[in-house]
Amino acid sequence: MIFNIILLSLQLVSAGVIVSREMLSLFYEKISAVLPATYVAEDLFTIAFGGSNIFSEVLALVIILFSVLILAVLRLSFSRIKKADTVEKSKAALP
């Protein structure tokens, strides 16, 4: 839960919605490249105020989506393997 709060705070600051991205420090500029809120904010600004093509931001969001899905599948598979090993060890320990 702490990780989610920190990540949400970083996204709110680095997305350029609260403070313009040009005014942010180099740290926030670099971290905004990997956080999805930046791309969502750019797309919303483009749709609301007009602008260039939103394809690059949508592509970045799709890449982030698939990365998170792959990490989630790996996490679940490792936890199931660990759980299966624990169950086998407990069955082996029973007389």
PDB file of N, CA and C in Angstrom:
ATOM      1  N   MET A   1       0.828  -1.190   0.000  1.00  0.00           N
ATOM      2  CA  MET A   1       0.000   0.000   0.000  1.00  0.00           C
ATOM      3  C   MET A   1       0.878   1.262   0.000  1.00  0.00           C
ATOM      4  N   ILE A   2       1.963   1.223   0.718  1.00  0.00           N
ATOM      5  CA  ILE A   2       2.882   2.373   0.742  1.00  0.00           C
ATOM      6  C   ILE A   2       3.457   2.611  -0.656  1.00  0.00           C
ATOM      7  N   PHE A   3       3.826   1.519  -1.344  1.00  0.00           N
ATOM      8  CA  PHE A   3       4.365   1.635  -2.698  1.00  0.00           C
ATOM      9  C   PHE A   3       3.351   2.310  -3.623  1.00  0.00           C
ATOM     10  N   ASN A   4       2.087   1.952  -3.512  1.00  0.00           N
ATOM     11  CA  ASN A   4       1.045   2.561  -4.348  1.00  0.00           C
ATOM     12  C   ASN A   4       0.891   4.055  -4.060  1.00  0.00           C
ATOM     13  N   ILE A   5       0.976   4.431  -2.798  1.00  0.00           N
ATOM     14  CA  ILE A   5       0.842   5.850  -2.436  1.00  0.00           C
ATOM     15  C   ILE A   5       2.008   6.652  -2.998  1.00  0.00           C
ATOM     16  N   ILE A   6       3.211   6.102  -2.882  1.00  0.00           N
ATOM     17  CA  ILE A   6       4.391   6.787  -3.414  1.00  0.00           C
ATOM     18  C   ILE A   6       4.307   6.899  -4.923  1.00  0.00           C
ATOM     19  N   LEU A   7       3.924   5.817  -5.589  1.00  0.00           N
ATOM     20  CA  LEU A   7       3.821   5.826  -7.047  1.00  0.00           C
ATOM     21  C   LEU A   7       2.742   6.785  -7.532  1.00  0.00           C
ATOM     22  N   LEU A   8       1.624   6.830  -6.854  1.00  0.00           N
ATOM     23  CA  LEU A   8       0.562   7.763  -7.230  1.00  0.00           C
ATOM     24  C   LEU A   8       1.013   9.203  -7.059  1.00  0.00           C
ATOM     25  N   SER A   9       1.708   9.486  -5.985  1.00  0.00           N
ATOM     26  CA  SER A   9       2.216  10.837  -5.767  1.00  0.00           C
ATOM     27  C   SER A   9       3.208  11.242  -6.847  1.00  0.00           C
ATOM     28  N   LEU A  10       4.102  10.326  -7.208  1.00  0.00           N
ATOM     29  CA  LEU A  10       5.061  10.607  -8.271  1.00  0.00           C
ATOM     30  C   LEU A  10       4.353  10.867  -9.607  1.00  0.00           C
ATOM     31  N   GLN A  11       3.311  10.100  -9.879  1.00  0.00           N
ATOM     32  CA  GLN A  11       2.586  10.283 -11.128  1.00  0.00           C
ATOM     33  C   GLN A  11       1.859  11.624 -11.169  1.00  0.00           C
ATOM     34  N   LEU A  12       1.266  12.010 -10.057  1.00  0.00           N
ATOM     35  CA  LEU A  12       0.553  13.289 -10.024  1.00  0.00           C
ATOM     36  C   LEU A  12       1.494  14.462 -10.240  1.00  0.00           C
ATOM     37  N   VAL A  13       2.677  14.384  -9.662  1.00  0.00           N
ATOM     38  CA  VAL A  13       3.629  15.482  -9.800  1.00  0.00           C
ATOM     39  C   VAL A  13       4.259  15.486 -11.186  1.00  0.00           C
ATOM     40  N   SER A  14       4.651  14.309 -11.680  1.00  0.00           N
ATOM     41  CA  SER A  14       5.428  14.251 -12.915  1.00  0.00           C
ATOM     42  C   SER A  14       4.593  14.274 -14.189  1.00  0.00           C
ATOM     43  N   ALA A  15       3.291  14.121 -14.095  1.00  0.00           N
ATOM     44  CA  ALA A  15       2.458  14.056 -15.303  1.00  0.00           C
ATOM     45  C   ALA A  15       2.302  15.403 -15.984  1.00  0.00           C
ATOM     46  N   GLY A  16       2.555  16.473 -15.291  1.00  0.00           N
ATOM     47  CA  GLY A  16       2.423  17.783 -15.895  1.00  0.00           C
ATOM     48  C   GLY A  16       1.046  18.388 -15.763  1.00  0.00           C
ATOM     49  N   VAL A  17       0.217  17.832 -14.925  1.00  0.00           N
ATOM     50  CA  VAL A  17      -1.133  18.351 -14.722  1.00  0.00           C
ATOM     51  C   VAL A  17      -1.146  19.396 -13.617  1.00  0.00           C
ATOM     52  N   ILE A  18      -0.457  19.128 -12.522  1.00  0.00           N
ATOM     53  CA  ILE A  18      -0.415  20.056 -11.405  1.00  0.00           C
ATOM     54  C   ILE A  18       0.564  21.194 -11.692  1.00  0.00           C
ATOM     55  N   VAL A  19       1.754  20.822 -12.133  1.00  0.00           N
ATOM     56  CA  VAL A  19       2.805  21.778 -12.486  1.00  0.00           C
ATOM     57  C   VAL A  19       3.256  21.432 -13.898  1.00  0.00           C
ATOM     58  N   SER A  20       3.522  22.431 -14.699  1.00  0.00           N
ATOM     59  CA  SER A  20       3.969  22.204 -16.066  1.00  0.00           C
ATOM     60  C   SER A  20       5.236  21.358 -16.076  1.00  0.00           C
ATOM     61  N   ARG A  21       5.345  20.446 -17.023  1.00  0.00           N
ATOM     62  CA  ARG A  21       6.507  19.556 -17.087  1.00  0.00           C
ATOM     63  C   ARG A  21       7.804  20.309 -17.327  1.00  0.00           C
ATOM     64  N   GLU A  22       7.727  21.446 -17.974  1.00  0.00           N
ATOM     65  CA  GLU A  22       8.924  22.242 -18.217  1.00  0.00           C
ATOM     66  C   GLU A  22       9.508  22.808 -16.926  1.00  0.00           C
ATOM     67  N   MET A  23       8.698  22.930 -15.909  1.00  0.00           N
ATOM     68  CA  MET A  23       9.147  23.488 -14.628  1.00  0.00           C
ATOM     69  C   MET A  23       9.676  22.415 -13.672  1.00  0.00           C
ATOM     70  N   LEU A  24       9.535  21.160 -14.023  1.00  0.00           N
ATOM     71  CA  LEU A  24       9.951  20.073 -13.146  1.00  0.00           C
ATOM     72  C   LEU A  24      11.458  19.857 -13.218  1.00  0.00           C
ATOM     73  N   SER A  25      11.993  19.286 -12.164  1.00  0.00           N
ATOM     74  CA  SER A  25      13.421  18.977 -12.132  1.00  0.00           C
ATOM     75  C   SER A  25      13.708  17.777 -13.039  1.00  0.00           C
ATOM     76  N   LEU A  26      14.983  17.532 -13.261  1.00  0.00           N
ATOM     77  CA  LEU A  26      15.407  16.438 -14.136  1.00  0.00           C
ATOM     78  C   LEU A  26      14.937  15.086 -13.610  1.00  0.00           C
ATOM     79  N   PHE A  27      14.913  14.914 -12.293  1.00  0.00           N
ATOM     80  CA  PHE A  27      14.446  13.660 -11.696  1.00  0.00           C
ATOM     81  C   PHE A  27      13.017  13.355 -12.117  1.00  0.00           C
ATOM     82  N   TYR A  28      12.130  14.329 -12.000  1.00  0.00           N
ATOM     83  CA  TYR A  28      10.730  14.114 -12.355  1.00  0.00           C
ATOM     84  C   TYR A  28      10.544  13.943 -13.856  1.00  0.00           C
ATOM     85  N   GLU A  29      11.364  14.605 -14.653  1.00  0.00           N
ATOM     86  CA  GLU A  29      11.290  14.410 -16.100  1.00  0.00           C
ATOM     87  C   GLU A  29      11.649  12.982 -16.478  1.00  0.00           C
ATOM     88  N   LYS A  30      12.701  12.443 -15.851  1.00  0.00           N
ATOM     89  CA  LYS A  30      13.133  11.076 -16.158  1.00  0.00           C
ATOM     90  C   LYS A  30      12.117  10.048 -15.669  1.00  0.00           C
ATOM     91  N   ILE A  31      11.570  10.250 -14.481  1.00  0.00           N
ATOM     92  CA  ILE A  31      10.624   9.277 -13.926  1.00  0.00           C
ATOM     93  C   ILE A  31       9.285   9.324 -14.661  1.00  0.00           C
ATOM     94  N   SER A  32       8.950  10.479 -15.241  1.00  0.00           N
ATOM     95  CA  SER A  32       7.673  10.594 -15.947  1.00  0.00           C
ATOM     96  C   SER A  32       7.654   9.764 -17.223  1.00  0.00           C
ATOM     97  N   ALA A  33       8.824   9.420 -17.743  1.00  0.00           N
ATOM     98  CA  ALA A  33       8.879   8.639 -18.982  1.00  0.00           C
ATOM     99  C   ALA A  33       8.391   7.207 -18.792  1.00  0.00           C
ATOM    100  N   VAL A  34       8.416   6.694 -17.572  1.00  0.00           N
ATOM    101  CA  VAL A  34       7.991   5.317 -17.333  1.00  0.00           C
ATOM    102  C   VAL A  34       6.642   5.217 -16.626  1.00  0.00           C
ATOM    103  N   LEU A  35       6.045   6.342 -16.287  1.00  0.00           N
ATOM    104  CA  LEU A  35       4.761   6.326 -15.592  1.00  0.00           C
ATOM    105  C   LEU A  35       3.614   6.623 -16.567  1.00  0.00           C
ATOM    106  N   PRO A  36       2.533   5.866 -16.487  1.00  0.00           N
ATOM    107  CA  PRO A  36       1.453   6.010 -17.464  1.00  0.00           C
ATOM    108  C   PRO A  36       0.660   7.311 -17.362  1.00  0.00           C
ATOM    109  N   ALA A  37       0.630   7.942 -16.218  1.00  0.00           N
ATOM    110  CA  ALA A  37      -0.164   9.165 -16.072  1.00  0.00           C
ATOM    111  C   ALA A  37       0.324  10.274 -16.996  1.00  0.00           C
ATOM    112  N   THR A  38       1.611  10.283 -17.284  1.00  0.00           N
ATOM    113  CA  THR A  38       2.171  11.285 -18.188  1.00  0.00           C
ATOM    114  C   THR A  38       1.548  11.170 -19.569  1.00  0.00           C
ATOM    115  N   TYR A  39       1.449   9.961 -20.072  1.00  0.00           N
ATOM    116  CA  TYR A  39       0.918   9.741 -21.416  1.00  0.00           C
ATOM    117  C   TYR A  39      -0.592   9.988 -21.468  1.00  0.00           C
ATOM    118  N   VAL A  40      -1.288   9.637 -20.407  1.00  0.00           N
ATOM    119  CA  VAL A  40      -2.721   9.914 -20.339  1.00  0.00           C
ATOM    120  C   VAL A  40      -2.969  11.415 -20.335  1.00  0.00           C
ATOM    121  N   ALA A  41      -2.186  12.144 -19.558  1.00  0.00           N
ATOM    122  CA  ALA A  41      -2.346  13.596 -19.502  1.00  0.00           C
ATOM    123  C   ALA A  41      -2.048  14.229 -20.861  1.00  0.00           C
ATOM    124  N   GLU A  42      -1.001  13.761 -21.528  1.00  0.00           N
ATOM    125  CA  GLU A  42      -0.675  14.284 -22.858  1.00  0.00           C
ATOM    126  C   GLU A  42      -1.810  14.020 -23.844  1.00  0.00           C
ATOM    127  N   ASP A  43      -2.379  12.818 -23.801  1.00  0.00           N
ATOM    128  CA  ASP A  43      -3.501  12.495 -24.690  1.00  0.00           C
ATOM    129  C   ASP A  43      -4.712  13.366 -24.395  1.00  0.00           C
ATOM    130  N   LEU A  44      -5.017  13.556 -23.131  1.00  0.00           N
ATOM    131  CA  LEU A  44      -6.169  14.382 -22.774  1.00  0.00           C
ATOM    132  C   LEU A  44      -5.966  15.832 -23.201  1.00  0.00           C
ATOM    133  N   PHE A  45      -4.762  16.342 -23.022  1.00  0.00           N
ATOM    134  CA  PHE A  45      -4.476  17.708 -23.475  1.00  0.00           C
ATOM    135  C   PHE A  45      -4.596  17.817 -24.995  1.00  0.00           C
ATOM    136  N   THR A  46      -4.120  16.812 -25.698  1.00  0.00           N
ATOM    137  CA  THR A  46      -4.195  16.823 -27.166  1.00  0.00           C
ATOM    138  C   THR A  46      -5.638  16.777 -27.632  1.00  0.00           C
ATOM    139  N   ILE A  47      -6.442  15.946 -26.996  1.00  0.00           N
ATOM    140  CA  ILE A  47      -7.859  15.842 -27.381  1.00  0.00           C
ATOM    141  C   ILE A  47      -8.607  17.115 -27.021  1.00  0.00           C
ATOM    142  N   ALA A  48      -8.356  17.663 -25.849  1.00  0.00           N
ATOM    143  CA  ALA A  48      -9.107  18.835 -25.393  1.00  0.00           C
ATOM    144  C   ALA A  48      -8.713  20.112 -26.125  1.00  0.00           C
ATOM    145  N   PHE A  49      -7.415  20.297 -26.343  1.00  0.00           N
ATOM    146  CA  PHE A  49      -6.941  21.563 -26.898  1.00  0.00           C
ATOM    147  C   PHE A  49      -6.455  21.454 -28.335  1.00  0.00           C
ATOM    148  N   GLY A  50      -6.524  20.268 -28.904  1.00  0.00           N
ATOM    149  CA  GLY A  50      -6.033  20.078 -30.262  1.00  0.00           C
ATOM    150  C   GLY A  50      -4.533  19.889 -30.246  1.00  0.00           C
ATOM    151  N   GLY A  51      -4.047  19.325 -31.281  1.00  0.00           N
ATOM    152  CA  GLY A  51      -2.606  19.122 -31.341  1.00  0.00           C
ATOM    153  C   GLY A  51      -2.264  18.043 -32.326  1.00  0.00           C
ATOM    154  N   SER A  52      -1.108  17.484 -32.147  1.00  0.00           N
ATOM    155  CA  SER A  52      -0.612  16.480 -33.075  1.00  0.00           C
ATOM    156  C   SER A  52      -1.259  15.127 -32.820  1.00  0.00           C
ATOM    157  N   ASN A  53      -0.751  14.155 -33.506  1.00  0.00           N
ATOM    158  CA  ASN A  53      -1.246  12.792 -33.421  1.00  0.00           C
ATOM    159  C   ASN A  53      -0.992  12.211 -32.021  1.00  0.00           C
ATOM    160  N   ILE A  54      -1.925  11.430 -31.502  1.00  0.00           N
ATOM    161  CA  ILE A  54      -1.773  10.833 -30.171  1.00  0.00           C
ATOM    162  C   ILE A  54      -1.242   9.405 -30.248  1.00  0.00           C
ATOM    163  N   PHE A  55      -0.826   8.973 -31.426  1.00  0.00           N
ATOM    164  CA  PHE A  55      -0.387   7.589 -31.607  1.00  0.00           C
ATOM    165  C   PHE A  55       0.789   7.235 -30.706  1.00  0.00           C
ATOM    166  N   SER A  56       1.769   8.108 -30.580  1.00  0.00           N
ATOM    167  CA  SER A  56       2.959   7.780 -29.783  1.00  0.00           C
ATOM    168  C   SER A  56       2.618   7.602 -28.305  1.00  0.00           C
ATOM    169  N   GLU A  57       1.700   8.431 -27.780  1.00  0.00           N
ATOM    170  CA  GLU A  57       1.308   8.283 -26.380  1.00  0.00           C
ATOM    171  C   GLU A  57       0.504   7.002 -26.162  1.00  0.00           C
ATOM    172  N   VAL A  58      -0.378   6.682 -27.112  1.00  0.00           N
ATOM    173  CA  VAL A  58      -1.161   5.452 -26.999  1.00  0.00           C
ATOM    174  C   VAL A  58      -0.245   4.242 -27.094  1.00  0.00           C
ATOM    175  N   LEU A  59       0.734   4.291 -27.973  1.00  0.00           N
ATOM    176  CA  LEU A  59       1.697   3.199 -28.080  1.00  0.00           C
ATOM    177  C   LEU A  59       2.477   3.023 -26.775  1.00  0.00           C
ATOM    178  N   ALA A  60       2.879   4.111 -26.164  1.00  0.00           N
ATOM    179  CA  ALA A  60       3.591   4.031 -24.880  1.00  0.00           C
ATOM    180  C   ALA A  60       2.699   3.407 -23.810  1.00  0.00           C
ATOM    181  N   LEU A  61       1.419   3.767 -23.799  1.00  0.00           N
ATOM    182  CA  LEU A  61       0.493   3.175 -22.828  1.00  0.00           C
ATOM    183  C   LEU A  61       0.313   1.675 -23.061  1.00  0.00           C
ATOM    184  N   VAL A  62       0.255   1.269 -24.311  1.00  0.00           N
ATOM    185  CA  VAL A  62       0.119  -0.160 -24.626  1.00  0.00           C
ATOM    186  C   VAL A  62       1.368  -0.922 -24.187  1.00  0.00           C
ATOM    187  N   ILE A  63       2.527  -0.339 -24.406  1.00  0.00           N
ATOM    188  CA  ILE A  63       3.776  -0.981 -23.969  1.00  0.00           C
ATOM    189  C   ILE A  63       3.801  -1.111 -22.448  1.00  0.00           C
ATOM    190  N   ILE A  64       3.403  -0.068 -21.738  1.00  0.00           N
ATOM    191  CA  ILE A  64       3.350  -0.130 -20.273  1.00  0.00           C
ATOM    192  C   ILE A  64       2.340  -1.175 -19.824  1.00  0.00           C
ATOM    193  N   LEU A  65       1.191  -1.238 -20.500  1.00  0.00           N
ATOM    194  CA  LEU A  65       0.159  -2.226 -20.154  1.00  0.00           C
ATOM    195  C   LEU A  65       0.690  -3.641 -20.286  1.00  0.00           C
ATOM    196  N   PHE A  66       1.314  -3.948 -21.420  1.00  0.00           N
ATOM    197  CA  PHE A  66       1.822  -5.307 -21.616  1.00  0.00           C
ATOM    198  C   PHE A  66       2.973  -5.621 -20.662  1.00  0.00           C
ATOM    199  N   SER A  67       3.783  -4.647 -20.335  1.00  0.00           N
ATOM    200  CA  SER A  67       4.857  -4.866 -19.365  1.00  0.00           C
ATOM    201  C   SER A  67       4.297  -5.226 -17.995  1.00  0.00           C
ATOM    202  N   VAL A  68       3.280  -4.501 -17.582  1.00  0.00           N
ATOM    203  CA  VAL A  68       2.661  -4.775 -16.284  1.00  0.00           C
ATOM    204  C   VAL A  68       1.957  -6.128 -16.291  1.00  0.00           C
ATOM    205  N   LEU A  69       1.311  -6.466 -17.391  1.00  0.00           N
ATOM    206  CA  LEU A  69       0.658  -7.775 -17.482  1.00  0.00           C
ATOM    207  C   LEU A  69       1.666  -8.910 -17.418  1.00  0.00           C
ATOM    208  N   ILE A  70       2.796  -8.759 -18.087  1.00  0.00           N
ATOM    209  CA  ILE A  70       3.834  -9.790 -18.035  1.00  0.00           C
ATOM    210  C   ILE A  70       4.378  -9.926 -16.614  1.00  0.00           C
ATOM    211  N   LEU A  71       4.628  -8.804 -15.950  1.00  0.00           N
ATOM    212  CA  LEU A  71       5.102  -8.855 -14.561  1.00  0.00           C
ATOM    213  C   LEU A  71       4.080  -9.516 -13.639  1.00  0.00           C
ATOM    214  N   ALA A  72       2.802  -9.226 -13.856  1.00  0.00           N
ATOM    215  CA  ALA A  72       1.753  -9.826 -13.023  1.00  0.00           C
ATOM    216  C   ALA A  72       1.668 -11.335 -13.237  1.00  0.00           C
ATOM    217  N   VAL A  73       1.767 -11.778 -14.484  1.00  0.00           N
ATOM    218  CA  VAL A  73       1.724 -13.216 -14.771  1.00  0.00           C
ATOM    219  C   VAL A  73       2.932 -13.912 -14.161  1.00  0.00           C
ATOM    220  N   LEU A  74       4.106 -13.312 -14.287  1.00  0.00           N
ATOM    221  CA  LEU A  74       5.299 -13.906 -13.672  1.00  0.00           C
ATOM    222  C   LEU A  74       5.171 -13.976 -12.161  1.00  0.00           C
ATOM    223  N   ARG A  75       4.657 -12.928 -11.563  1.00  0.00           N
ATOM    224  CA  ARG A  75       4.487 -12.891 -10.101  1.00  0.00           C
ATOM    225  C   ARG A  75       3.518 -13.978  -9.648  1.00  0.00           C
ATOM    226  N   LEU A  76       2.408 -14.113 -10.368  1.00  0.00           N
ATOM    227  CA  LEU A  76       1.430 -15.134  -9.996  1.00  0.00           C
ATOM    228  C   LEU A  76       1.974 -16.543 -10.206  1.00  0.00           C
ATOM    229  N   SER A  77       2.711 -16.755 -11.274  1.00  0.00           N
ATOM    230  CA  SER A  77       3.250 -18.092 -11.514  1.00  0.00           C
ATOM    231  C   SER A  77       4.278 -18.464 -10.452  1.00  0.00           C
ATOM    232  N   PHE A  78       5.127 -17.513 -10.050  1.00  0.00           N
ATOM    233  CA  PHE A  78       6.097 -17.804  -9.002  1.00  0.00           C
ATOM    234  C   PHE A  78       5.423 -18.045  -7.655  1.00  0.00           C
ATOM    235  N   SER A  79       4.368 -17.308  -7.360  1.00  0.00           N
ATOM    236  CA  SER A  79       3.684 -17.522  -6.082  1.00  0.00           C
ATOM    237  C   SER A  79       2.961 -18.863  -6.069  1.00  0.00           C
ATOM    238  N   ARG A  80       2.430 -19.287  -7.213  1.00  0.00           N
ATOM    239  CA  ARG A  80       1.776 -20.608  -7.268  1.00  0.00           C
ATOM    240  C   ARG A  80       2.790 -21.725  -7.146  1.00  0.00           C
ATOM    241  N   ILE A  81       3.962 -21.561  -7.759  1.00  0.00           N
ATOM    242  CA  ILE A  81       5.016 -22.567  -7.630  1.00  0.00           C
ATOM    243  C   ILE A  81       5.461 -22.680  -6.180  1.00  0.00           C
ATOM    244  N   LYS A  82       5.641 -21.535  -5.530  1.00  0.00           N
ATOM    245  CA  LYS A  82       6.054 -21.532  -4.127  1.00  0.00           C
ATOM    246  C   LYS A  82       4.981 -22.169  -3.251  1.00  0.00           C
ATOM    247  N   LYS A  83       3.711 -21.872  -3.544  1.00  0.00           N
ATOM    248  CA  LYS A  83       2.611 -22.446  -2.759  1.00  0.00           C
ATOM    249  C   LYS A  83       2.552 -23.953  -2.966  1.00  0.00           C
ATOM    250  N   ALA A  84       2.755 -24.411  -4.192  1.00  0.00           N
ATOM    251  CA  ALA A  84       2.736 -25.848  -4.464  1.00  0.00           C
ATOM    252  C   ALA A  84       3.880 -26.547  -3.739  1.00  0.00           C
ATOM    253  N   ASP A  85       5.055 -25.932  -3.706  1.00  0.00           N
ATOM    254  CA  ASP A  85       6.190 -26.511  -2.984  1.00  0.00           C
ATOM    255  C   ASP A  85       5.906 -26.595  -1.489  1.00  0.00           C
ATOM    256  N   THR A  86       5.271 -25.577  -0.945  1.00  0.00           N
ATOM    257  CA  THR A  86       4.928 -25.564   0.475  1.00  0.00           C
ATOM    258  C   THR A  86       3.927 -26.663   0.801  1.00  0.00           C
ATOM    259  N   VAL A  87       2.934 -26.858  -0.069  1.00  0.00           N
ATOM    260  CA  VAL A  87       1.936 -27.905   0.151  1.00  0.00           C
ATOM    261  C   VAL A  87       2.582 -29.274   0.073  1.00  0.00           C
ATOM    262  N   GLU A  88       3.481 -29.491  -0.894  1.00  0.00           N
ATOM    263  CA  GLU A  88       4.158 -30.774  -1.015  1.00  0.00           C
ATOM    264  C   GLU A  88       5.026 -31.054   0.200  1.00  0.00           C
ATOM    265  N   LYS A  89       5.714 -30.054   0.694  1.00  0.00           N
ATOM    266  CA  LYS A  89       6.554 -30.252   1.878  1.00  0.00           C
ATOM    267  C   LYS A  89       5.714 -30.566   3.105  1.00  0.00           C
ATOM    268  N   SER A  90       4.561 -29.909   3.239  1.00  0.00           N
ATOM    269  CA  SER A  90       3.716 -30.193   4.391  1.00  0.00           C
ATOM    270  C   SER A  90       3.089 -31.582   4.297  1.00  0.00           C
ATOM    271  N   LYS A  91       2.776 -32.042   3.091  1.00  0.00           N
ATOM    272  CA  LYS A  91       2.246 -33.399   2.920  1.00  0.00           C
ATOM    273  C   LYS A  91       3.331 -34.430   3.213  1.00  0.00           C
ATOM    274  N   ALA A  92       4.541 -34.140   2.828  1.00  0.00           N
ATOM    275  CA  ALA A  92       5.652 -35.061   3.085  1.00  0.00           C
ATOM    276  C   ALA A  92       5.972 -35.146   4.571  1.00  0.00           C
ATOM    277  N   ALA A  93       5.708 -34.073   5.300  1.00  0.00           N
ATOM    278  CA  ALA A  93       5.994 -34.065   6.726  1.00  0.00           C
ATOM    279  C   ALA A  93       4.962 -34.827   7.534  1.00  0.00           C
ATOM    280  N   LEU A  94       3.778 -35.033   6.979  1.00  0.00           N
ATOM    281  CA  LEU A  94       2.733 -35.770   7.680  1.00  0.00           C
ATOM    282  C   LEU A  94       3.068 -37.255   7.713  1.00  0.00           C
ATOM    283  N   PRO A  95       2.742 -37.921   8.842  1.00  0.00           N
ATOM    284  CA  PRO A  95       3.046 -39.357   8.938  1.00  0.00           C
ATOM    285  C   PRO A  95       2.139 -40.217   8.109  1.00  0.00           C
TER     286      PRO A  95
END
